[in-house]
Amino acid sequence: MTQLTLLLTTMPDDERADAIARTLVDERLAACVNVHAPMRSTYRWKGAIEVEAERQIVIKTTRAQLPALRARLQTLHPYELPEIVVIDADADRGYRDWVVKETSTETD
């Protein structure tokens, strides 16, 4: 059975978030990318507490596409250490089949 996978990451602004979303869908590494509204992130980085505006991005893909997606995200991401959190998910059959179709590199 094909495993639906969600990959979470954050971006510093709408422009870069939208560009990455478009690229990942265009390259069939993701079936869908949700860019959430701006939020405030508080975190420790290099010994200091930082507070920054970010956008949460939810990337829907398959387990098979995950290695290529991770590699591509590393090259596109503006952060020195990008958040890459992977969550295996279950979905209704129709939605899962759609994700598989839209991330397939085989031509119709």
PDB file of N, CA and C in Angstrom:
ATOM      1  N   MET A   1       0.839  -1.190   0.000  1.00  0.00           N
ATOM      2  CA  MET A   1       0.000   0.000   0.000  1.00  0.00           C
ATOM      3  C   MET A   1       0.878   1.244   0.000  1.00  0.00           C
ATOM      4  N   THR A   2       0.497   2.215  -0.774  1.00  0.00           N
ATOM      5  CA  THR A   2       1.214   3.473  -0.844  1.00  0.00           C
ATOM      6  C   THR A   2       0.982   4.262   0.431  1.00  0.00           C
ATOM      7  N   GLN A   3       2.069   4.783   0.987  1.00  0.00           N
ATOM      8  CA  GLN A   3       1.981   5.546   2.221  1.00  0.00           C
ATOM      9  C   GLN A   3       1.912   7.030   1.912  1.00  0.00           C
ATOM     10  N   LEU A   4       0.854   7.686   2.351  1.00  0.00           N
ATOM     11  CA  LEU A   4       0.745   9.129   2.240  1.00  0.00           C
ATOM     12  C   LEU A   4       1.656   9.735   3.294  1.00  0.00           C
ATOM     13  N   THR A   5       2.412  10.747   2.913  1.00  0.00           N
ATOM     14  CA  THR A   5       3.370  11.375   3.816  1.00  0.00           C
ATOM     15  C   THR A   5       3.164  12.884   3.803  1.00  0.00           C
ATOM     16  N   LEU A   6       3.221  13.478   4.978  1.00  0.00           N
ATOM     17  CA  LEU A   6       3.182  14.928   5.124  1.00  0.00           C
ATOM     18  C   LEU A   6       4.566  15.387   5.554  1.00  0.00           C
ATOM     19  N   LEU A   7       5.072  16.407   4.921  1.00  0.00           N
ATOM     20  CA  LEU A   7       6.344  16.991   5.323  1.00  0.00           C
ATOM     21  C   LEU A   7       6.060  18.424   5.747  1.00  0.00           C
ATOM     22  N   LEU A   8       6.493  18.769   6.948  1.00  0.00           N
ATOM     23  CA  LEU A   8       6.296  20.116   7.478  1.00  0.00           C
ATOM     24  C   LEU A   8       7.605  20.877   7.419  1.00  0.00           C
ATOM     25  N   THR A   9       7.513  22.135   7.039  1.00  0.00           N
ATOM     26  CA  THR A   9       8.660  23.025   7.086  1.00  0.00           C
ATOM     27  C   THR A   9       8.150  24.437   7.319  1.00  0.00           C
ATOM     28  N   THR A  10       9.057  25.353   7.561  1.00  0.00           N
ATOM     29  CA  THR A  10       8.692  26.756   7.739  1.00  0.00           C
ATOM     30  C   THR A  10       9.499  27.599   6.766  1.00  0.00           C
ATOM     31  N   MET A  11       8.929  28.750   6.417  1.00  0.00           N
ATOM     32  CA  MET A  11       9.589  29.697   5.519  1.00  0.00           C
ATOM     33  C   MET A  11       9.480  31.092   6.128  1.00  0.00           C
ATOM     34  N   PRO A  12      10.419  31.984   5.778  1.00  0.00           N
ATOM     35  CA  PRO A  12      10.418  33.310   6.386  1.00  0.00           C
ATOM     36  C   PRO A  12       9.406  34.289   5.793  1.00  0.00           C
ATOM     37  N   ASP A  13       8.892  34.034   4.589  1.00  0.00           N
ATOM     38  CA  ASP A  13       7.988  35.014   3.980  1.00  0.00           C
ATOM     39  C   ASP A  13       7.133  34.362   2.899  1.00  0.00           C
ATOM     40  N   ASP A  14       6.090  35.089   2.490  1.00  0.00           N
ATOM     41  CA  ASP A  14       5.147  34.567   1.502  1.00  0.00           C
ATOM     42  C   ASP A  14       5.806  34.299   0.154  1.00  0.00           C
ATOM     43  N   GLU A  15       6.644  35.192  -0.295  1.00  0.00           N
ATOM     44  CA  GLU A  15       7.254  35.065  -1.616  1.00  0.00           C
ATOM     45  C   GLU A  15       8.032  33.752  -1.750  1.00  0.00           C
ATOM     46  N   ARG A  16       8.890  33.473  -0.786  1.00  0.00           N
ATOM     47  CA  ARG A  16       9.677  32.233  -0.854  1.00  0.00           C
ATOM     48  C   ARG A  16       8.805  31.004  -0.609  1.00  0.00           C
ATOM     49  N   ALA A  17       7.826  31.125   0.275  1.00  0.00           N
ATOM     50  CA  ALA A  17       6.922  29.996   0.524  1.00  0.00           C
ATOM     51  C   ALA A  17       6.147  29.643  -0.748  1.00  0.00           C
ATOM     52  N   ASP A  18       5.616  30.647  -1.421  1.00  0.00           N
ATOM     53  CA  ASP A  18       4.859  30.408  -2.650  1.00  0.00           C
ATOM     54  C   ASP A  18       5.749  29.850  -3.756  1.00  0.00           C
ATOM     55  N   ALA A  19       6.977  30.334  -3.851  1.00  0.00           N
ATOM     56  CA  ALA A  19       7.901  29.853  -4.886  1.00  0.00           C
ATOM     57  C   ALA A  19       8.249  28.383  -4.663  1.00  0.00           C
ATOM     58  N   ILE A  20       8.524  28.018  -3.430  1.00  0.00           N
ATOM     59  CA  ILE A  20       8.843  26.618  -3.139  1.00  0.00           C
ATOM     60  C   ILE A  20       7.614  25.737  -3.371  1.00  0.00           C
ATOM     61  N   ALA A  21       6.449  26.195  -2.948  1.00  0.00           N
ATOM     62  CA  ALA A  21       5.219  25.420  -3.161  1.00  0.00           C
ATOM     63  C   ALA A  21       5.023  25.148  -4.651  1.00  0.00           C
ATOM     64  N   ARG A  22       5.144  26.171  -5.450  1.00  0.00           N
ATOM     65  CA  ARG A  22       4.953  26.026  -6.904  1.00  0.00           C
ATOM     66  C   ARG A  22       5.982  25.062  -7.503  1.00  0.00           C
ATOM     67  N   THR A  23       7.235  25.192  -7.109  1.00  0.00           N
ATOM     68  CA  THR A  23       8.302  24.339  -7.631  1.00  0.00           C
ATOM     69  C   THR A  23       8.056  22.875  -7.290  1.00  0.00           C
ATOM     70  N   LEU A  24       7.702  22.587  -6.044  1.00  0.00           N
ATOM     71  CA  LEU A  24       7.504  21.204  -5.617  1.00  0.00           C
ATOM     72  C   LEU A  24       6.329  20.539  -6.330  1.00  0.00           C
ATOM     73  N   VAL A  25       5.260  21.290  -6.548  1.00  0.00           N
ATOM     74  CA  VAL A  25       4.116  20.743  -7.276  1.00  0.00           C
ATOM     75  C   VAL A  25       4.458  20.614  -8.758  1.00  0.00           C
ATOM     76  N   ASP A  26       5.097  21.626  -9.307  1.00  0.00           N
ATOM     77  CA  ASP A  26       5.486  21.611 -10.717  1.00  0.00           C
ATOM     78  C   ASP A  26       6.403  20.431 -11.041  1.00  0.00           C
ATOM     79  N   GLU A  27       7.314  20.112 -10.136  1.00  0.00           N
ATOM     80  CA  GLU A  27       8.256  19.003 -10.333  1.00  0.00           C
ATOM     81  C   GLU A  27       7.689  17.651  -9.892  1.00  0.00           C
ATOM     82  N   ARG A  28       6.422  17.623  -9.508  1.00  0.00           N
ATOM     83  CA  ARG A  28       5.713  16.408  -9.083  1.00  0.00           C
ATOM     84  C   ARG A  28       6.307  15.758  -7.838  1.00  0.00           C
ATOM     85  N   LEU A  29       6.987  16.545  -7.029  1.00  0.00           N
ATOM     86  CA  LEU A  29       7.481  16.040  -5.752  1.00  0.00           C
ATOM     87  C   LEU A  29       6.397  16.121  -4.687  1.00  0.00           C
ATOM     88  N   ALA A  30       5.383  16.932  -4.936  1.00  0.00           N
ATOM     89  CA  ALA A  30       4.244  17.087  -4.031  1.00  0.00           C
ATOM     90  C   ALA A  30       2.971  17.186  -4.852  1.00  0.00           C
ATOM     91  N   ALA A  31       1.894  16.636  -4.316  1.00  0.00           N
ATOM     92  CA  ALA A  31       0.589  16.781  -4.963  1.00  0.00           C
ATOM     93  C   ALA A  31      -0.050  18.107  -4.572  1.00  0.00           C
ATOM     94  N   CYS A  32       0.244  18.549  -3.358  1.00  0.00           N
ATOM     95  CA  CYS A  32      -0.358  19.767  -2.824  1.00  0.00           C
ATOM     96  C   CYS A  32       0.567  20.331  -1.755  1.00  0.00           C
ATOM     97  N   VAL A  33       0.645  21.653  -1.693  1.00  0.00           N
ATOM     98  CA  VAL A  33       1.418  22.328  -0.644  1.00  0.00           C
ATOM     99  C   VAL A  33       0.526  23.417  -0.055  1.00  0.00           C
ATOM    100  N   ASN A  34       0.287  23.344   1.249  1.00  0.00           N
ATOM    101  CA  ASN A  34      -0.473  24.379   1.951  1.00  0.00           C
ATOM    102  C   ASN A  34       0.495  25.353   2.586  1.00  0.00           C
ATOM    103  N   VAL A  35       0.293  26.635   2.331  1.00  0.00           N
ATOM    104  CA  VAL A  35       1.082  27.691   2.968  1.00  0.00           C
ATOM    105  C   VAL A  35       0.147  28.390   3.950  1.00  0.00           C
ATOM    106  N   HIS A  36       0.432  28.232   5.218  1.00  0.00           N
ATOM    107  CA  HIS A  36      -0.419  28.810   6.252  1.00  0.00           C
ATOM    108  C   HIS A  36      -0.103  30.288   6.471  1.00  0.00           C
ATOM    109  N   ALA A  37      -1.008  30.950   7.136  1.00  0.00           N
ATOM    110  CA  ALA A  37      -0.867  32.378   7.439  1.00  0.00           C
ATOM    111  C   ALA A  37       0.361  32.627   8.311  1.00  0.00           C
ATOM    112  N   PRO A  38       0.856  33.841   8.298  1.00  0.00           N
ATOM    113  CA  PRO A  38       2.015  34.153   9.147  1.00  0.00           C
ATOM    114  C   PRO A  38       1.751  33.810  10.610  1.00  0.00           C
ATOM    115  N   MET A  39       2.789  33.341  11.257  1.00  0.00           N
ATOM    116  CA  MET A  39       2.742  33.000  12.680  1.00  0.00           C
ATOM    117  C   MET A  39       4.030  33.488  13.321  1.00  0.00           C
ATOM    118  N   ARG A  40       4.076  33.498  14.607  1.00  0.00           N
ATOM    119  CA  ARG A  40       5.288  33.893  15.321  1.00  0.00           C
ATOM    120  C   ARG A  40       5.944  32.637  15.882  1.00  0.00           C
ATOM    121  N   SER A  41       7.218  32.461  15.558  1.00  0.00           N
ATOM    122  CA  SER A  41       7.987  31.327  16.069  1.00  0.00           C
ATOM    123  C   SER A  41       9.013  31.827  17.082  1.00  0.00           C
ATOM    124  N   THR A  42       9.067  31.165  18.223  1.00  0.00           N
ATOM    125  CA  THR A  42      10.058  31.461  19.256  1.00  0.00           C
ATOM    126  C   THR A  42      10.926  30.223  19.407  1.00  0.00           C
ATOM    127  N   TYR A  43      12.231  30.397  19.270  1.00  0.00           N
ATOM    128  CA  TYR A  43      13.145  29.248  19.284  1.00  0.00           C
ATOM    129  C   TYR A  43      14.532  29.679  19.741  1.00  0.00           C
ATOM    130  N   ARG A  44      15.316  28.700  20.151  1.00  0.00           N
ATOM    131  CA  ARG A  44      16.693  28.959  20.536  1.00  0.00           C
ATOM    132  C   ARG A  44      17.572  28.638  19.333  1.00  0.00           C
ATOM    133  N   TRP A  45      18.444  29.574  18.951  1.00  0.00           N
ATOM    134  CA  TRP A  45      19.341  29.376  17.812  1.00  0.00           C
ATOM    135  C   TRP A  45      20.706  29.956  18.158  1.00  0.00           C
ATOM    136  N   LYS A  46      21.704  29.089  18.147  1.00  0.00           N
ATOM    137  CA  LYS A  46      23.086  29.486  18.414  1.00  0.00           C
ATOM    138  C   LYS A  46      23.222  30.248  19.728  1.00  0.00           C
ATOM    139  N   GLY A  47      22.528  29.724  20.758  1.00  0.00           N
ATOM    140  CA  GLY A  47      22.654  30.265  22.098  1.00  0.00           C
ATOM    141  C   GLY A  47      21.760  31.435  22.440  1.00  0.00           C
ATOM    142  N   ALA A  48      20.969  31.924  21.474  1.00  0.00           N
ATOM    143  CA  ALA A  48      20.091  33.069  21.732  1.00  0.00           C
ATOM    144  C   ALA A  48      18.644  32.686  21.441  1.00  0.00           C
ATOM    145  N   ILE A  49      17.728  33.298  22.172  1.00  0.00           N
ATOM    146  CA  ILE A  49      16.310  33.089  21.900  1.00  0.00           C
ATOM    147  C   ILE A  49      15.896  34.079  20.817  1.00  0.00           C
ATOM    148  N   GLU A  50      15.314  33.530  19.752  1.00  0.00           N
ATOM    149  CA  GLU A  50      14.882  34.319  18.599  1.00  0.00           C
ATOM    150  C   GLU A  50      13.361  34.312  18.515  1.00  0.00           C
ATOM    151  N   VAL A  51      12.791  35.375  17.991  1.00  0.00           N
ATOM    152  CA  VAL A  51      11.361  35.460  17.706  1.00  0.00           C
ATOM    153  C   VAL A  51      11.223  36.023  16.300  1.00  0.00           C
ATOM    154  N   GLU A  52      10.622  35.239  15.417  1.00  0.00           N
ATOM    155  CA  GLU A  52      10.519  35.630  14.009  1.00  0.00           C
ATOM    156  C   GLU A  52       9.140  35.284  13.458  1.00  0.00           C
ATOM    157  N   ALA A  53       8.718  36.021  12.446  1.00  0.00           N
ATOM    158  CA  ALA A  53       7.517  35.669  11.694  1.00  0.00           C
ATOM    159  C   ALA A  53       7.890  34.589  10.684  1.00  0.00           C
ATOM    160  N   GLU A  54       7.052  33.568  10.589  1.00  0.00           N
ATOM    161  CA  GLU A  54       7.278  32.483   9.636  1.00  0.00           C
ATOM    162  C   GLU A  54       5.936  32.022   9.091  1.00  0.00           C
ATOM    163  N   ARG A  55       5.979  31.195   8.068  1.00  0.00           N
ATOM    164  CA  ARG A  55       4.811  30.522   7.531  1.00  0.00           C
ATOM    165  C   ARG A  55       5.044  29.024   7.650  1.00  0.00           C
ATOM    166  N   GLN A  56       4.061  28.307   8.155  1.00  0.00           N
ATOM    167  CA  GLN A  56       4.125  26.850   8.200  1.00  0.00           C
ATOM    168  C   GLN A  56       3.693  26.330   6.841  1.00  0.00           C
ATOM    169  N   ILE A  57       4.439  25.365   6.324  1.00  0.00           N
ATOM    170  CA  ILE A  57       4.118  24.761   5.039  1.00  0.00           C
ATOM    171  C   ILE A  57       3.880  23.271   5.261  1.00  0.00           C
ATOM    172  N   VAL A  58       2.778  22.772   4.709  1.00  0.00           N
ATOM    173  CA  VAL A  58       2.441  21.361   4.781  1.00  0.00           C
ATOM    174  C   VAL A  58       2.501  20.812   3.358  1.00  0.00           C
ATOM    175  N   ILE A  59       3.384  19.853   3.146  1.00  0.00           N
ATOM    176  CA  ILE A  59       3.623  19.283   1.820  1.00  0.00           C
ATOM    177  C   ILE A  59       3.062  17.864   1.805  1.00  0.00           C
ATOM    178  N   LYS A  60       2.160  17.578   0.854  1.00  0.00           N
ATOM    179  CA  LYS A  60       1.558  16.247   0.743  1.00  0.00           C
ATOM    180  C   LYS A  60       2.228  15.489  -0.389  1.00  0.00           C
ATOM    181  N   THR A  61       2.749  14.315  -0.054  1.00  0.00           N
ATOM    182  CA  THR A  61       3.484  13.506  -1.014  1.00  0.00           C
ATOM    183  C   THR A  61       3.328  12.035  -0.658  1.00  0.00           C
ATOM    184  N   THR A  62       4.132  11.190  -1.278  1.00  0.00           N
ATOM    185  CA  THR A  62       4.136   9.760  -0.961  1.00  0.00           C
ATOM    186  C   THR A  62       5.481   9.399  -0.356  1.00  0.00           C
ATOM    187  N   ARG A  63       5.511   8.279   0.331  1.00  0.00           N
ATOM    188  CA  ARG A  63       6.758   7.792   0.923  1.00  0.00           C
ATOM    189  C   ARG A  63       7.812   7.587  -0.174  1.00  0.00           C
ATOM    190  N   ALA A  64       7.403   7.155  -1.352  1.00  0.00           N
ATOM    191  CA  ALA A  64       8.341   6.923  -2.457  1.00  0.00           C
ATOM    192  C   ALA A  64       9.016   8.213  -2.924  1.00  0.00           C
ATOM    193  N   GLN A  65       8.326   9.326  -2.856  1.00  0.00           N
ATOM    194  CA  GLN A  65       8.881  10.602  -3.311  1.00  0.00           C
ATOM    195  C   GLN A  65       9.706  11.310  -2.232  1.00  0.00           C
ATOM    196  N   LEU A  66       9.655  10.811  -1.021  1.00  0.00           N
ATOM    197  CA  LEU A  66      10.285  11.496   0.102  1.00  0.00           C
ATOM    198  C   LEU A  66      11.786  11.760  -0.069  1.00  0.00           C
ATOM    199  N   PRO A  67      12.603  10.804  -0.503  1.00  0.00           N
ATOM    200  CA  PRO A  67      14.034  11.101  -0.661  1.00  0.00           C
ATOM    201  C   PRO A  67      14.307  12.242  -1.648  1.00  0.00           C
ATOM    202  N   ALA A  68      13.630  12.227  -2.780  1.00  0.00           N
ATOM    203  CA  ALA A  68      13.823  13.291  -3.775  1.00  0.00           C
ATOM    204  C   ALA A  68      13.297  14.627  -3.254  1.00  0.00           C
ATOM    205  N   LEU A  69      12.166  14.587  -2.557  1.00  0.00           N
ATOM    206  CA  LEU A  69      11.600  15.807  -1.986  1.00  0.00           C
ATOM    207  C   LEU A  69      12.538  16.420  -0.951  1.00  0.00           C
ATOM    208  N   ARG A  70      13.069  15.606  -0.063  1.00  0.00           N
ATOM    209  CA  ARG A  70      14.012  16.108   0.954  1.00  0.00           C
ATOM    210  C   ARG A  70      15.239  16.755   0.296  1.00  0.00           C
ATOM    211  N   ALA A  71      15.796  16.077  -0.690  1.00  0.00           N
ATOM    212  CA  ALA A  71      16.983  16.603  -1.368  1.00  0.00           C
ATOM    213  C   ALA A  71      16.674  17.926  -2.051  1.00  0.00           C
ATOM    214  N   ARG A  72      15.545  18.007  -2.722  1.00  0.00           N
ATOM    215  CA  ARG A  72      15.179  19.244  -3.426  1.00  0.00           C
ATOM    216  C   ARG A  72      14.901  20.371  -2.437  1.00  0.00           C
ATOM    217  N   LEU A  73      14.217  20.057  -1.363  1.00  0.00           N
ATOM    218  CA  LEU A  73      13.920  21.065  -0.352  1.00  0.00           C
ATOM    219  C   LEU A  73      15.201  21.623   0.257  1.00  0.00           C
ATOM    220  N   GLN A  74      16.194  20.778   0.476  1.00  0.00           N
ATOM    221  CA  GLN A  74      17.478  21.246   1.010  1.00  0.00           C
ATOM    222  C   GLN A  74      18.134  22.259   0.070  1.00  0.00           C
ATOM    223  N   THR A  75      18.010  22.050  -1.240  1.00  0.00           N
ATOM    224  CA  THR A  75      18.631  22.986  -2.195  1.00  0.00           C
ATOM    225  C   THR A  75      17.848  24.283  -2.323  1.00  0.00           C
ATOM    226  N   LEU A  76      16.537  24.234  -2.128  1.00  0.00           N
ATOM    227  CA  LEU A  76      15.690  25.420  -2.305  1.00  0.00           C
ATOM    228  C   LEU A  76      15.549  26.260  -1.039  1.00  0.00           C
ATOM    229  N   HIS A  77      15.694  25.647   0.114  1.00  0.00           N
ATOM    230  CA  HIS A  77      15.354  26.299   1.383  1.00  0.00           C
ATOM    231  C   HIS A  77      16.357  27.385   1.748  1.00  0.00           C
ATOM    232  N   PRO A  78      15.880  28.551   2.192  1.00  0.00           N
ATOM    233  CA  PRO A  78      16.792  29.645   2.544  1.00  0.00           C
ATOM    234  C   PRO A  78      17.450  29.511   3.919  1.00  0.00           C
ATOM    235  N   TYR A  79      16.939  28.627   4.773  1.00  0.00           N
ATOM    236  CA  TYR A  79      17.491  28.509   6.120  1.00  0.00           C
ATOM    237  C   TYR A  79      18.744  27.644   6.140  1.00  0.00           C
ATOM    238  N   GLU A  80      19.649  27.980   7.031  1.00  0.00           N
ATOM    239  CA  GLU A  80      20.852  27.177   7.249  1.00  0.00           C
ATOM    240  C   GLU A  80      20.482  25.764   7.713  1.00  0.00           C
ATOM    241  N   LEU A  81      19.484  25.670   8.570  1.00  0.00           N
ATOM    242  CA  LEU A  81      19.005  24.392   9.088  1.00  0.00           C
ATOM    243  C   LEU A  81      17.481  24.368   8.954  1.00  0.00           C
ATOM    244  N   PRO A  82      16.984  23.936   7.804  1.00  0.00           N
ATOM    245  CA  PRO A  82      15.528  23.950   7.615  1.00  0.00           C
ATOM    246  C   PRO A  82      14.819  22.894   8.447  1.00  0.00           C
ATOM    247  N   GLU A  83      13.643  23.249   8.899  1.00  0.00           N
ATOM    248  CA  GLU A  83      12.773  22.281   9.568  1.00  0.00           C
ATOM    249  C   GLU A  83      12.285  21.297   8.512  1.00  0.00           C
ATOM    250  N   ILE A  84      12.526  20.022   8.748  1.00  0.00           N
ATOM    251  CA  ILE A  84      11.968  18.975   7.900  1.00  0.00           C
ATOM    252  C   ILE A  84      11.438  17.901   8.838  1.00  0.00           C
ATOM    253  N   VAL A  85      10.121  17.923   9.036  1.00  0.00           N
ATOM    254  CA  VAL A  85       9.444  16.985   9.916  1.00  0.00           C
ATOM    255  C   VAL A  85       8.522  16.148   9.050  1.00  0.00           C
ATOM    256  N   VAL A  86       8.670  14.836   9.124  1.00  0.00           N
ATOM    257  CA  VAL A  86       7.899  13.920   8.284  1.00  0.00           C
ATOM    258  C   VAL A  86       6.883  13.177   9.144  1.00  0.00           C
ATOM    259  N   ILE A  87       5.641  13.157   8.670  1.00  0.00           N
ATOM    260  CA  ILE A  87       4.558  12.467   9.361  1.00  0.00           C
ATOM    261  C   ILE A  87       3.900  11.515   8.374  1.00  0.00           C
ATOM    262  N   ASP A  88       3.905  10.230   8.690  1.00  0.00           N
ATOM    263  CA  ASP A  88       3.172   9.274   7.873  1.00  0.00           C
ATOM    264  C   ASP A  88       1.694   9.426   8.197  1.00  0.00           C
ATOM    265  N   ALA A  89       0.867   9.354   7.160  1.00  0.00           N
ATOM    266  CA  ALA A  89      -0.556   9.624   7.342  1.00  0.00           C
ATOM    267  C   ALA A  89      -1.404   8.592   6.621  1.00  0.00           C
ATOM    268  N   ASP A  90      -2.630   8.502   7.053  1.00  0.00           N
ATOM    269  CA  ASP A  90      -3.618   7.685   6.385  1.00  0.00           C
ATOM    270  C   ASP A  90      -4.614   8.647   5.745  1.00  0.00           C
ATOM    271  N   ALA A  91      -5.186   8.237   4.635  1.00  0.00           N
ATOM    272  CA  ALA A  91      -6.159   9.097   3.951  1.00  0.00           C
ATOM    273  C   ALA A  91      -7.202   8.224   3.278  1.00  0.00           C
ATOM    274  N   ASP A  92      -8.324   8.830   2.976  1.00  0.00           N
ATOM    275  CA  ASP A  92      -9.330   8.111   2.206  1.00  0.00           C
ATOM    276  C   ASP A  92      -8.712   7.677   0.884  1.00  0.00           C
ATOM    277  N   ARG A  93      -9.200   6.584   0.382  1.00  0.00           N
ATOM    278  CA  ARG A  93      -8.643   5.985  -0.829  1.00  0.00           C
ATOM    279  C   ARG A  93      -8.589   6.959  -2.007  1.00  0.00           C
ATOM    280  N   GLY A  94      -9.650   7.687  -2.241  1.00  0.00           N
ATOM    281  CA  GLY A  94      -9.688   8.623  -3.362  1.00  0.00           C
ATOM    282  C   GLY A  94      -8.617   9.696  -3.253  1.00  0.00           C
ATOM    283  N   TYR A  95      -8.449  10.263  -2.069  1.00  0.00           N
ATOM    284  CA  TYR A  95      -7.436  11.304  -1.875  1.00  0.00           C
ATOM    285  C   TYR A  95      -6.034  10.719  -2.014  1.00  0.00           C
ATOM    286  N   ARG A  96      -5.820   9.566  -1.406  1.00  0.00           N
ATOM    287  CA  ARG A  96      -4.521   8.902  -1.510  1.00  0.00           C
ATOM    288  C   ARG A  96      -4.179   8.610  -2.971  1.00  0.00           C
ATOM    289  N   ASP A  97      -5.144   8.108  -3.726  1.00  0.00           N
ATOM    290  CA  ASP A  97      -4.911   7.807  -5.141  1.00  0.00           C
ATOM    291  C   ASP A  97      -4.577   9.074  -5.920  1.00  0.00           C
ATOM    292  N   TRP A  98      -5.223  10.174  -5.582  1.00  0.00           N
ATOM    293  CA  TRP A  98      -4.934  11.453  -6.238  1.00  0.00           C
ATOM    294  C   TRP A  98      -3.501  11.899  -5.951  1.00  0.00           C
ATOM    295  N   VAL A  99      -3.059  11.781  -4.704  1.00  0.00           N
ATOM    296  CA  VAL A  99      -1.683  12.145  -4.343  1.00  0.00           C
ATOM    297  C   VAL A  99      -0.697  11.283  -5.134  1.00  0.00           C
ATOM    298  N   VAL A 100      -0.955  10.003  -5.207  1.00  0.00           N
ATOM    299  CA  VAL A 100      -0.078   9.097  -5.958  1.00  0.00           C
ATOM    300  C   VAL A 100      -0.022   9.523  -7.428  1.00  0.00           C
ATOM    301  N   LYS A 101      -1.174   9.785  -8.016  1.00  0.00           N
ATOM    302  CA  LYS A 101      -1.221  10.179  -9.434  1.00  0.00           C
ATOM    303  C   LYS A 101      -0.447  11.473  -9.677  1.00  0.00           C
ATOM    304  N   GLU A 102      -0.653  12.451  -8.813  1.00  0.00           N
ATOM    305  CA  GLU A 102      -0.048  13.773  -9.031  1.00  0.00           C
ATOM    306  C   GLU A 102       1.445  13.807  -8.723  1.00  0.00           C
ATOM    307  N   THR A 103       1.946  12.809  -8.029  1.00  0.00           N
ATOM    308  CA  THR A 103       3.396  12.756  -7.752  1.00  0.00           C
ATOM    309  C   THR A 103       4.100  11.713  -8.616  1.00  0.00           C
ATOM    310  N   SER A 104       3.352  11.093  -9.498  1.00  0.00           N
ATOM    311  CA  SER A 104       3.931  10.094 -10.381  1.00  0.00           C
ATOM    312  C   SER A 104       4.752  10.765 -11.489  1.00  0.00           C
ATOM    313  N   THR A 105       5.894  10.216 -11.778  1.00  0.00           N
ATOM    314  CA  THR A 105       6.724  10.759 -12.860  1.00  0.00           C
ATOM    315  C   THR A 105       6.458  10.045 -14.171  1.00  0.00           C
ATOM    316  N   GLU A 106       5.601   9.034 -14.141  1.00  0.00           N
ATOM    317  CA  GLU A 106       5.237   8.333 -15.366  1.00  0.00           C
ATOM    318  C   GLU A 106       4.253   9.183 -16.156  1.00  0.00           C
ATOM    319  N   THR A 107       4.406   9.173 -17.471  1.00  0.00           N
ATOM    320  CA  THR A 107       3.481   9.933 -18.317  1.00  0.00           C
ATOM    321  C   THR A 107       2.207   9.146 -18.527  1.00  0.00           C
ATOM    322  N   ASP A 108       1.123   9.866 -18.683  1.00  0.00           N
ATOM    323  CA  ASP A 108      -0.202   9.203 -18.877  1.00  0.00           C
ATOM    324  C   ASP A 108      -0.317   8.592 -20.248  1.00  0.00           C
TER     325      ASP A 108
END
